[in-house]
N, C-alpha and C. Protein backbone atom coordinates (compact mmCIF):
# COMPACT_ATOMS: atom_id res chain seq x y z
N MET A 1 -8.95 7.97 4.08
CA MET A 1 -8.91 7.01 2.66
C MET A 1 -9.90 6.05 2.84
N SER A 2 -9.51 5.61 1.80
CA SER A 2 -10.59 4.42 0.92
C SER A 2 -9.58 3.50 -0.32
N GLY A 3 -10.51 2.73 -0.38
CA GLY A 3 -10.36 1.60 -1.18
C GLY A 3 -9.33 0.28 -0.31
N ASP A 4 -9.23 -0.76 -1.83
CA ASP A 4 -8.51 -1.97 -0.91
C ASP A 4 -7.23 -1.51 -0.02
N LEU A 5 -6.12 -1.05 -0.67
CA LEU A 5 -5.15 -0.40 0.47
C LEU A 5 -5.23 0.40 1.63
N SER A 6 -6.28 1.00 1.88
CA SER A 6 -6.42 1.90 2.83
C SER A 6 -5.87 1.55 4.00
N GLY A 7 -6.17 0.33 4.69
CA GLY A 7 -5.92 -0.21 6.31
C GLY A 7 -5.08 -0.44 6.07
N ASP A 8 -3.99 -0.57 5.16
CA ASP A 8 -2.43 -1.01 5.28
C ASP A 8 -1.49 0.23 5.07
N LEU A 9 -2.26 0.97 3.80
CA LEU A 9 -1.43 2.63 4.23
C LEU A 9 -1.73 2.95 5.27
N SER A 10 -2.97 3.11 5.53
CA SER A 10 -2.46 4.13 7.08
C SER A 10 -1.80 3.81 8.20
N LEU A 11 -1.49 2.45 8.14
CA LEU A 11 -0.83 1.99 9.28
C LEU A 11 0.70 2.83 9.22
N ALA A 12 1.23 3.26 8.11
CA ALA A 12 2.27 3.75 7.79
C ALA A 12 2.79 5.22 7.75
N LEU A 13 1.34 5.39 7.43
CA LEU A 13 1.06 7.14 8.11
C LEU A 13 1.12 7.78 9.75
N PRO A 14 2.18 8.93 9.45
CA PRO A 14 2.22 9.44 11.13
C PRO A 14 0.92 9.91 11.63
N ALA A 15 0.85 10.10 12.98
CA ALA A 15 -0.74 10.56 13.02
C ALA A 15 -1.29 11.80 13.20
N LEU A 16 -2.14 12.58 12.68
CA LEU A 16 -2.57 13.86 12.47
C LEU A 16 -2.87 14.57 13.87
N ASP A 17 -2.37 15.74 13.67
CA ASP A 17 -3.38 16.56 14.44
C ASP A 17 -5.12 16.78 14.57
N SER A 18 -5.72 16.56 15.33
CA SER A 18 -7.17 17.22 15.09
C SER A 18 -7.78 18.30 13.82
N GLY A 19 -8.89 17.73 13.28
CA GLY A 19 -8.86 18.75 11.82
C GLY A 19 -8.08 18.52 11.15
N TRP A 20 -7.07 17.17 10.85
CA TRP A 20 -6.51 16.83 9.72
C TRP A 20 -7.00 15.03 9.09
N GLU A 21 -6.49 15.51 7.74
CA GLU A 21 -7.31 14.22 7.31
C GLU A 21 -5.99 13.80 5.99
N TRP A 22 -6.12 13.02 6.12
CA TRP A 22 -5.08 12.14 4.76
C TRP A 22 -5.59 11.82 3.42
N HIS A 23 -5.20 11.73 2.66
CA HIS A 23 -5.92 11.41 1.12
C HIS A 23 -5.55 10.56 0.57
N SER A 24 -5.50 9.51 -0.37
CA SER A 24 -4.83 8.47 -1.27
C SER A 24 -5.22 9.25 -2.74
N PHE A 25 -4.41 8.94 -3.40
CA PHE A 25 -4.42 8.91 -5.19
C PHE A 25 -4.11 8.17 -6.01
N ARG A 26 -5.15 7.43 -7.02
CA ARG A 26 -4.82 6.77 -7.56
C ARG A 26 -4.70 7.01 -9.24
N THR A 27 -3.49 6.75 -9.83
CA THR A 27 -3.53 6.85 -11.22
C THR A 27 -4.19 5.95 -12.29
N ASP A 28 -4.34 6.38 -13.57
CA ASP A 28 -5.08 5.46 -14.53
C ASP A 28 -4.07 4.48 -15.08
N GLY A 29 -2.89 4.73 -14.96
CA GLY A 29 -1.55 3.85 -15.66
C GLY A 29 -1.14 3.13 -14.78
N GLY A 30 -0.17 2.36 -15.49
CA GLY A 30 0.61 1.30 -14.57
C GLY A 30 1.52 1.61 -14.23
N THR A 31 2.59 1.12 -13.23
CA THR A 31 3.70 2.52 -13.11
C THR A 31 5.03 1.37 -14.07
N ALA A 32 4.55 0.54 -14.85
CA ALA A 32 5.95 0.20 -16.17
C ALA A 32 5.52 1.06 -16.99
N THR A 33 4.58 1.35 -18.07
CA THR A 33 4.44 2.00 -18.85
C THR A 33 4.50 3.45 -18.27
N ASP A 34 3.56 3.84 -17.33
CA ASP A 34 3.34 5.22 -16.60
C ASP A 34 4.13 5.77 -15.54
N ARG A 35 5.53 6.24 -15.74
CA ARG A 35 6.44 6.06 -14.27
C ARG A 35 5.83 7.43 -13.89
N GLU A 36 5.29 8.83 -14.32
CA GLU A 36 5.36 9.57 -13.66
C GLU A 36 3.20 10.13 -13.64
N ASP A 37 3.06 10.43 -12.80
CA ASP A 37 1.76 11.52 -12.68
C ASP A 37 1.77 12.39 -11.89
N PHE A 38 1.06 13.67 -12.22
CA PHE A 38 1.13 15.02 -11.30
C PHE A 38 -0.45 15.02 -11.29
N VAL A 39 -0.74 15.21 -10.01
CA VAL A 39 -1.91 15.72 -9.22
C VAL A 39 -2.04 17.32 -9.05
N ARG A 40 -3.01 17.85 -9.44
CA ARG A 40 -3.43 19.40 -9.42
C ARG A 40 -3.97 19.41 -7.79
N LEU A 41 -3.99 20.13 -6.82
CA LEU A 41 -4.97 20.33 -5.66
C LEU A 41 -5.20 21.62 -5.33
N GLU A 42 -5.97 21.84 -4.87
CA GLU A 42 -6.66 22.98 -3.93
C GLU A 42 -6.59 22.90 -2.63
N VAL A 43 -6.02 23.15 -1.29
CA VAL A 43 -6.29 23.53 -0.47
C VAL A 43 -7.08 24.56 0.26
N LEU A 44 -7.76 24.22 0.91
CA LEU A 44 -9.02 25.39 1.39
C LEU A 44 -9.32 25.27 2.85
N GLU A 45 -9.28 25.71 4.04
CA GLU A 45 -9.69 26.09 4.79
C GLU A 45 -11.01 25.24 5.40
N ALA A 46 -11.16 24.95 6.29
CA ALA A 46 -12.51 24.06 6.75
C ALA A 46 -13.29 25.68 7.32
N PRO A 47 -14.28 26.03 6.65
CA PRO A 47 -15.52 26.83 7.41
C PRO A 47 -15.76 26.05 8.81
């Protein structure tokens, strides 16, 4: 994770097994006008 809040957010997340990593996402709108956003991901096994 990276960005202004990455340090604070990582403290609240559970520890991951070796080979796994967390990713965070930020949307383009504010919560007052943009209550929902969707993220499409493709997860691939690392070579």
